[in-house]
Amino acid sequence: MRRAAHAAMEIHKLIAVESSSAAWAAREALSASLEMGPAAREQAIYQGLLLERLWREIKDTPAARLSQVTYPYED
């Protein structure tokens, strides 16, 4: 479970620098909405895109790719 959380954090960092992606746009919309109050809809959209991106990164060999994606956090 911790490895998956760390992988999501790394994907979140990748999305932050991909200004042409739908996930980046959703992240920006979520950020703007959170400044005004709860943003459940925007959060759900961003989480879905984050999960989709994470799956694309690890789908070929999940265990090995999770280890690679979470490398900075491993002891």
PDB file of N, CA and C in Angstrom:
ATOM      1  N   MET A   1       0.822  -1.182   0.000  1.00  0.00           N
ATOM      2  CA  MET A   1       0.000   0.000   0.000  1.00  0.00           C
ATOM      3  C   MET A   1       0.875   1.258   0.000  1.00  0.00           C
ATOM      4  N   ARG A   2       1.910   1.261   0.809  1.00  0.00           N
ATOM      5  CA  ARG A   2       2.792   2.419   0.883  1.00  0.00           C
ATOM      6  C   ARG A   2       3.487   2.650  -0.454  1.00  0.00           C
ATOM      7  N   ARG A   3       3.883   1.589  -1.105  1.00  0.00           N
ATOM      8  CA  ARG A   3       4.550   1.704  -2.408  1.00  0.00           C
ATOM      9  C   ARG A   3       3.614   2.354  -3.428  1.00  0.00           C
ATOM     10  N   ALA A   4       2.356   1.995  -3.414  1.00  0.00           N
ATOM     11  CA  ALA A   4       1.388   2.590  -4.337  1.00  0.00           C
ATOM     12  C   ALA A   4       1.197   4.078  -4.034  1.00  0.00           C
ATOM     13  N   ALA A   5       1.175   4.428  -2.763  1.00  0.00           N
ATOM     14  CA  ALA A   5       1.049   5.844  -2.390  1.00  0.00           C
ATOM     15  C   ALA A   5       2.263   6.634  -2.857  1.00  0.00           C
ATOM     16  N   HIS A   6       3.435   6.066  -2.691  1.00  0.00           N
ATOM     17  CA  HIS A   6       4.646   6.739  -3.159  1.00  0.00           C
ATOM     18  C   HIS A   6       4.656   6.869  -4.680  1.00  0.00           C
ATOM     19  N   ALA A   7       4.176   5.860  -5.356  1.00  0.00           N
ATOM     20  CA  ALA A   7       4.097   5.921  -6.820  1.00  0.00           C
ATOM     21  C   ALA A   7       3.143   7.033  -7.246  1.00  0.00           C
ATOM     22  N   ALA A   8       2.019   7.156  -6.564  1.00  0.00           N
ATOM     23  CA  ALA A   8       1.063   8.223  -6.884  1.00  0.00           C
ATOM     24  C   ALA A   8       1.693   9.594  -6.665  1.00  0.00           C
ATOM     25  N   MET A   9       2.496   9.730  -5.623  1.00  0.00           N
ATOM     26  CA  MET A   9       3.179  10.999  -5.376  1.00  0.00           C
ATOM     27  C   MET A   9       4.156  11.325  -6.505  1.00  0.00           C
ATOM     28  N   GLU A  10       4.861  10.332  -6.987  1.00  0.00           N
ATOM     29  CA  GLU A  10       5.798  10.564  -8.087  1.00  0.00           C
ATOM     30  C   GLU A  10       5.071  10.928  -9.377  1.00  0.00           C
ATOM     31  N   ILE A  11       3.964  10.269  -9.644  1.00  0.00           N
ATOM     32  CA  ILE A  11       3.184  10.586 -10.842  1.00  0.00           C
ATOM     33  C   ILE A  11       2.615  12.001 -10.717  1.00  0.00           C
ATOM     34  N   HIS A  12       2.188  12.373  -9.523  1.00  0.00           N
ATOM     35  CA  HIS A  12       1.696  13.732  -9.277  1.00  0.00           C
ATOM     36  C   HIS A  12       2.786  14.751  -9.634  1.00  0.00           C
ATOM     37  N   LYS A  13       4.023  14.462  -9.272  1.00  0.00           N
ATOM     38  CA  LYS A  13       5.145  15.352  -9.603  1.00  0.00           C
ATOM     39  C   LYS A  13       5.358  15.421 -11.120  1.00  0.00           C
ATOM     40  N   LEU A  14       5.257  14.286 -11.793  1.00  0.00           N
ATOM     41  CA  LEU A  14       5.411  14.275 -13.249  1.00  0.00           C
ATOM     42  C   LEU A  14       4.323  15.110 -13.923  1.00  0.00           C
ATOM     43  N   ILE A  15       3.102  14.955 -13.463  1.00  0.00           N
ATOM     44  CA  ILE A  15       1.978  15.694 -14.036  1.00  0.00           C
ATOM     45  C   ILE A  15       2.193  17.198 -13.872  1.00  0.00           C
ATOM     46  N   ALA A  16       2.799  17.600 -12.774  1.00  0.00           N
ATOM     47  CA  ALA A  16       3.001  19.023 -12.499  1.00  0.00           C
ATOM     48  C   ALA A  16       3.840  19.721 -13.563  1.00  0.00           C
ATOM     49  N   VAL A  17       4.663  18.981 -14.282  1.00  0.00           N
ATOM     50  CA  VAL A  17       5.525  19.602 -15.299  1.00  0.00           C
ATOM     51  C   VAL A  17       5.070  19.311 -16.724  1.00  0.00           C
ATOM     52  N   GLU A  18       3.973  18.619 -16.879  1.00  0.00           N
ATOM     53  CA  GLU A  18       3.439  18.281 -18.210  1.00  0.00           C
ATOM     54  C   GLU A  18       2.273  19.206 -18.541  1.00  0.00           C
ATOM     55  N   SER A  19       2.567  20.450 -18.856  1.00  0.00           N
ATOM     56  CA  SER A  19       1.528  21.463 -18.990  1.00  0.00           C
ATOM     57  C   SER A  19       0.579  21.262 -20.171  1.00  0.00           C
ATOM     58  N   SER A  20       0.853  20.314 -21.011  1.00  0.00           N
ATOM     59  CA  SER A  20      -0.058  20.087 -22.141  1.00  0.00           C
ATOM     60  C   SER A  20      -0.983  18.895 -21.929  1.00  0.00           C
ATOM     61  N   SER A  21      -0.935  18.273 -20.769  1.00  0.00           N
ATOM     62  CA  SER A  21      -1.745  17.072 -20.537  1.00  0.00           C
ATOM     63  C   SER A  21      -3.086  17.409 -19.895  1.00  0.00           C
ATOM     64  N   ALA A  22      -4.049  16.523 -20.080  1.00  0.00           N
ATOM     65  CA  ALA A  22      -5.357  16.680 -19.446  1.00  0.00           C
ATOM     66  C   ALA A  22      -5.230  16.587 -17.931  1.00  0.00           C
ATOM     67  N   ALA A  23      -4.317  15.746 -17.463  1.00  0.00           N
ATOM     68  CA  ALA A  23      -4.114  15.609 -16.020  1.00  0.00           C
ATOM     69  C   ALA A  23      -3.588  16.916 -15.424  1.00  0.00           C
ATOM     70  N   TRP A  24      -2.691  17.587 -16.137  1.00  0.00           N
ATOM     71  CA  TRP A  24      -2.171  18.872 -15.662  1.00  0.00           C
ATOM     72  C   TRP A  24      -3.302  19.887 -15.557  1.00  0.00           C
ATOM     73  N   ALA A  25      -4.153  19.938 -16.587  1.00  0.00           N
ATOM     74  CA  ALA A  25      -5.281  20.869 -16.582  1.00  0.00           C
ATOM     75  C   ALA A  25      -6.230  20.563 -15.426  1.00  0.00           C
ATOM     76  N   ALA A  26      -6.470  19.289 -15.169  1.00  0.00           N
ATOM     77  CA  ALA A  26      -7.339  18.893 -14.059  1.00  0.00           C
ATOM     78  C   ALA A  26      -6.706  19.269 -12.726  1.00  0.00           C
ATOM     79  N   ARG A  27      -5.399  19.123 -12.619  1.00  0.00           N
ATOM     80  CA  ARG A  27      -4.674  19.491 -11.391  1.00  0.00           C
ATOM     81  C   ARG A  27      -4.800  20.989 -11.148  1.00  0.00           C
ATOM     82  N   GLU A  28      -4.670  21.778 -12.209  1.00  0.00           N
ATOM     83  CA  GLU A  28      -4.806  23.233 -12.089  1.00  0.00           C
ATOM     84  C   GLU A  28      -6.228  23.619 -11.687  1.00  0.00           C
ATOM     85  N   ALA A  29      -7.213  22.968 -12.281  1.00  0.00           N
ATOM     86  CA  ALA A  29      -8.610  23.247 -11.940  1.00  0.00           C
ATOM     87  C   ALA A  29      -8.887  22.891 -10.485  1.00  0.00           C
ATOM     88  N   LEU A  30      -8.353  21.778 -10.038  1.00  0.00           N
ATOM     89  CA  LEU A  30      -8.517  21.370  -8.638  1.00  0.00           C
ATOM     90  C   LEU A  30      -7.884  22.400  -7.722  1.00  0.00           C
ATOM     91  N   SER A  31      -6.692  22.814  -8.036  1.00  0.00           N
ATOM     92  CA  SER A  31      -5.986  23.796  -7.221  1.00  0.00           C
ATOM     93  C   SER A  31      -6.776  25.106  -7.118  1.00  0.00           C
ATOM     94  N   ALA A  32      -7.276  25.580  -8.248  1.00  0.00           N
ATOM     95  CA  ALA A  32      -8.056  26.821  -8.256  1.00  0.00           C
ATOM     96  C   ALA A  32      -9.349  26.662  -7.464  1.00  0.00           C
ATOM     97  N   SER A  33     -10.006  25.535  -7.606  1.00  0.00           N
ATOM     98  CA  SER A  33     -11.274  25.299  -6.897  1.00  0.00           C
ATOM     99  C   SER A  33     -11.071  25.187  -5.396  1.00  0.00           C
ATOM    100  N   LEU A  34      -9.964  24.594  -4.985  1.00  0.00           N
ATOM    101  CA  LEU A  34      -9.704  24.437  -3.558  1.00  0.00           C
ATOM    102  C   LEU A  34      -9.482  25.780  -2.868  1.00  0.00           C
ATOM    103  N   GLU A  35      -9.062  26.780  -3.612  1.00  0.00           N
ATOM    104  CA  GLU A  35      -8.890  28.110  -3.029  1.00  0.00           C
ATOM    105  C   GLU A  35     -10.232  28.724  -2.653  1.00  0.00           C
ATOM    106  N   MET A  36     -11.313  28.253  -3.286  1.00  0.00           N
ATOM    107  CA  MET A  36     -12.641  28.799  -3.026  1.00  0.00           C
ATOM    108  C   MET A  36     -13.473  27.919  -2.099  1.00  0.00           C
ATOM    109  N   GLY A  37     -13.055  26.712  -1.863  1.00  0.00           N
ATOM    110  CA  GLY A  37     -13.820  25.822  -1.001  1.00  0.00           C
ATOM    111  C   GLY A  37     -13.654  24.373  -1.417  1.00  0.00           C
ATOM    112  N   PRO A  38     -14.556  23.509  -0.961  1.00  0.00           N
ATOM    113  CA  PRO A  38     -14.482  22.093  -1.318  1.00  0.00           C
ATOM    114  C   PRO A  38     -14.544  21.913  -2.841  1.00  0.00           C
ATOM    115  N   ALA A  39     -13.842  20.925  -3.310  1.00  0.00           N
ATOM    116  CA  ALA A  39     -13.779  20.686  -4.759  1.00  0.00           C
ATOM    117  C   ALA A  39     -13.885  19.194  -5.044  1.00  0.00           C
ATOM    118  N   ALA A  40     -14.932  18.579  -4.553  1.00  0.00           N
ATOM    119  CA  ALA A  40     -15.086  17.126  -4.679  1.00  0.00           C
ATOM    120  C   ALA A  40     -15.095  16.674  -6.131  1.00  0.00           C
ATOM    121  N   ARG A  41     -15.808  17.391  -6.990  1.00  0.00           N
ATOM    122  CA  ARG A  41     -15.885  17.006  -8.402  1.00  0.00           C
ATOM    123  C   ARG A  41     -14.508  17.090  -9.048  1.00  0.00           C
ATOM    124  N   GLU A  42     -13.821  18.194  -8.830  1.00  0.00           N
ATOM    125  CA  GLU A  42     -12.498  18.386  -9.414  1.00  0.00           C
ATOM    126  C   GLU A  42     -11.498  17.371  -8.873  1.00  0.00           C
ATOM    127  N   GLN A  43     -11.615  17.058  -7.587  1.00  0.00           N
ATOM    128  CA  GLN A  43     -10.719  16.075  -6.992  1.00  0.00           C
ATOM    129  C   GLN A  43     -10.946  14.699  -7.599  1.00  0.00           C
ATOM    130  N   ALA A  44     -12.195  14.332  -7.797  1.00  0.00           N
ATOM    131  CA  ALA A  44     -12.504  13.030  -8.397  1.00  0.00           C
ATOM    132  C   ALA A  44     -11.951  12.943  -9.820  1.00  0.00           C
ATOM    133  N   ILE A  45     -12.090  14.016 -10.572  1.00  0.00           N
ATOM    134  CA  ILE A  45     -11.562  14.026 -11.941  1.00  0.00           C
ATOM    135  C   ILE A  45     -10.050  13.860 -11.921  1.00  0.00           C
ATOM    136  N   TYR A  46      -9.371  14.641 -11.081  1.00  0.00           N
ATOM    137  CA  TYR A  46      -7.913  14.567 -11.028  1.00  0.00           C
ATOM    138  C   TYR A  46      -7.448  13.192 -10.549  1.00  0.00           C
ATOM    139  N   GLN A  47      -8.090  12.656  -9.535  1.00  0.00           N
ATOM    140  CA  GLN A  47      -7.697  11.339  -9.040  1.00  0.00           C
ATOM    141  C   GLN A  47      -7.855  10.269 -10.107  1.00  0.00           C
ATOM    142  N   GLY A  48      -8.907  10.356 -10.887  1.00  0.00           N
ATOM    143  CA  GLY A  48      -9.105   9.403 -11.975  1.00  0.00           C
ATOM    144  C   GLY A  48      -7.987   9.491 -13.004  1.00  0.00           C
ATOM    145  N   LEU A  49      -7.615  10.708 -13.371  1.00  0.00           N
ATOM    146  CA  LEU A  49      -6.531  10.896 -14.342  1.00  0.00           C
ATOM    147  C   LEU A  49      -5.185  10.476 -13.767  1.00  0.00           C
ATOM    148  N   LEU A  50      -4.981  10.732 -12.485  1.00  0.00           N
ATOM    149  CA  LEU A  50      -3.751  10.313 -11.809  1.00  0.00           C
ATOM    150  C   LEU A  50      -3.643   8.792 -11.806  1.00  0.00           C
ATOM    151  N   LEU A  51      -4.725   8.120 -11.477  1.00  0.00           N
ATOM    152  CA  LEU A  51      -4.747   6.662 -11.472  1.00  0.00           C
ATOM    153  C   LEU A  51      -4.503   6.104 -12.872  1.00  0.00           C
ATOM    154  N   GLU A  52      -5.141   6.721 -13.863  1.00  0.00           N
ATOM    155  CA  GLU A  52      -4.950   6.288 -15.247  1.00  0.00           C
ATOM    156  C   GLU A  52      -3.482   6.422 -15.660  1.00  0.00           C
ATOM    157  N   ARG A  53      -2.845   7.522 -15.299  1.00  0.00           N
ATOM    158  CA  ARG A  53      -1.435   7.740 -15.641  1.00  0.00           C
ATOM    159  C   ARG A  53      -0.538   6.747 -14.911  1.00  0.00           C
ATOM    160  N   LEU A  54      -0.822   6.510 -13.637  1.00  0.00           N
ATOM    161  CA  LEU A  54      -0.042   5.542 -12.867  1.00  0.00           C
ATOM    162  C   LEU A  54      -0.149   4.160 -13.513  1.00  0.00           C
ATOM    163  N   TRP A  55      -1.349   3.755 -13.896  1.00  0.00           N
ATOM    164  CA  TRP A  55      -1.527   2.443 -14.527  1.00  0.00           C
ATOM    165  C   TRP A  55      -0.736   2.352 -15.825  1.00  0.00           C
ATOM    166  N   ARG A  56      -0.741   3.412 -16.627  1.00  0.00           N
ATOM    167  CA  ARG A  56       0.038   3.400 -17.876  1.00  0.00           C
ATOM    168  C   ARG A  56       1.526   3.218 -17.591  1.00  0.00           C
ATOM    169  N   GLU A  57       1.999   3.765 -16.487  1.00  0.00           N
ATOM    170  CA  GLU A  57       3.410   3.650 -16.128  1.00  0.00           C
ATOM    171  C   GLU A  57       3.803   2.239 -15.689  1.00  0.00           C
ATOM    172  N   ILE A  58       2.874   1.516 -15.054  1.00  0.00           N
ATOM    173  CA  ILE A  58       3.253   0.232 -14.437  1.00  0.00           C
ATOM    174  C   ILE A  58       2.619  -0.998 -15.073  1.00  0.00           C
ATOM    175  N   LYS A  59       1.709  -0.841 -16.020  1.00  0.00           N
ATOM    176  CA  LYS A  59       0.879  -1.964 -16.483  1.00  0.00           C
ATOM    177  C   LYS A  59       1.648  -3.144 -17.061  1.00  0.00           C
ATOM    178  N   ASP A  60       2.785  -2.923 -17.695  1.00  0.00           N
ATOM    179  CA  ASP A  60       3.502  -4.041 -18.318  1.00  0.00           C
ATOM    180  C   ASP A  60       4.079  -5.012 -17.285  1.00  0.00           C
ATOM    181  N   THR A  61       4.707  -4.485 -16.270  1.00  0.00           N
ATOM    182  CA  THR A  61       5.267  -5.300 -15.181  1.00  0.00           C
ATOM    183  C   THR A  61       5.039  -4.559 -13.871  1.00  0.00           C
ATOM    184  N   PRO A  62       3.834  -4.677 -13.310  1.00  0.00           N
ATOM    185  CA  PRO A  62       3.461  -3.863 -12.150  1.00  0.00           C
ATOM    186  C   PRO A  62       4.452  -3.871 -10.985  1.00  0.00           C
ATOM    187  N   ALA A  63       4.885  -5.023 -10.536  1.00  0.00           N
ATOM    188  CA  ALA A  63       5.774  -5.066  -9.366  1.00  0.00           C
ATOM    189  C   ALA A  63       7.110  -4.378  -9.658  1.00  0.00           C
ATOM    190  N   ALA A  64       7.697  -4.689 -10.791  1.00  0.00           N
ATOM    191  CA  ALA A  64       8.988  -4.092 -11.143  1.00  0.00           C
ATOM    192  C   ALA A  64       8.861  -2.591 -11.382  1.00  0.00           C
ATOM    193  N   ARG A  65       7.824  -2.195 -12.093  1.00  0.00           N
ATOM    194  CA  ARG A  65       7.649  -0.764 -12.397  1.00  0.00           C
ATOM    195  C   ARG A  65       7.311   0.038 -11.146  1.00  0.00           C
ATOM    196  N   LEU A  66       6.541  -0.540 -10.231  1.00  0.00           N
ATOM    197  CA  LEU A  66       6.272   0.166  -8.973  1.00  0.00           C
ATOM    198  C   LEU A  66       7.571   0.422  -8.227  1.00  0.00           C
ATOM    199  N   SER A  67       8.446  -0.563  -8.229  1.00  0.00           N
ATOM    200  CA  SER A  67       9.747  -0.391  -7.566  1.00  0.00           C
ATOM    201  C   SER A  67      10.535   0.730  -8.222  1.00  0.00           C
ATOM    202  N   GLN A  68      10.501   0.807  -9.527  1.00  0.00           N
ATOM    203  CA  GLN A  68      11.237   1.851 -10.236  1.00  0.00           C
ATOM    204  C   GLN A  68      10.625   3.234  -9.979  1.00  0.00           C
ATOM    205  N   VAL A  69       9.337   3.322 -10.020  1.00  0.00           N
ATOM    206  CA  VAL A  69       8.656   4.607  -9.828  1.00  0.00           C
ATOM    207  C   VAL A  69       8.838   5.112  -8.402  1.00  0.00           C
ATOM    208  N   THR A  70       8.861   4.205  -7.437  1.00  0.00           N
ATOM    209  CA  THR A  70       8.958   4.619  -6.033  1.00  0.00           C
ATOM    210  C   THR A  70      10.378   4.641  -5.516  1.00  0.00           C
ATOM    211  N   TYR A  71      11.350   4.451  -6.368  1.00  0.00           N
ATOM    212  CA  TYR A  71      12.753   4.374  -5.964  1.00  0.00           C
ATOM    213  C   TYR A  71      13.177   5.447  -4.951  1.00  0.00           C
ATOM    214  N   PRO A  72      12.826   6.731  -5.130  1.00  0.00           N
ATOM    215  CA  PRO A  72      13.305   7.739  -4.180  1.00  0.00           C
ATOM    216  C   PRO A  72      12.865   7.507  -2.741  1.00  0.00           C
ATOM    217  N   TYR A  73      11.797   6.733  -2.545  1.00  0.00           N
ATOM    218  CA  TYR A  73      11.250   6.516  -1.215  1.00  0.00           C
ATOM    219  C   TYR A  73      11.691   5.206  -0.570  1.00  0.00           C
ATOM    220  N   GLU A  74      12.284   4.340  -1.341  1.00  0.00           N
ATOM    221  CA  GLU A  74      12.645   3.033  -0.803  1.00  0.00           C
ATOM    222  C   GLU A  74      13.822   3.157   0.153  1.00  0.00           C
ATOM    223  N   ASP A  75      13.783   2.373   1.185  1.00  0.00           N
ATOM    224  CA  ASP A  75      14.858   2.378   2.206  1.00  0.00           C
ATOM    225  C   ASP A  75      16.084   1.664   1.722  1.00  0.00           C
TER     226      ASP A  75
END
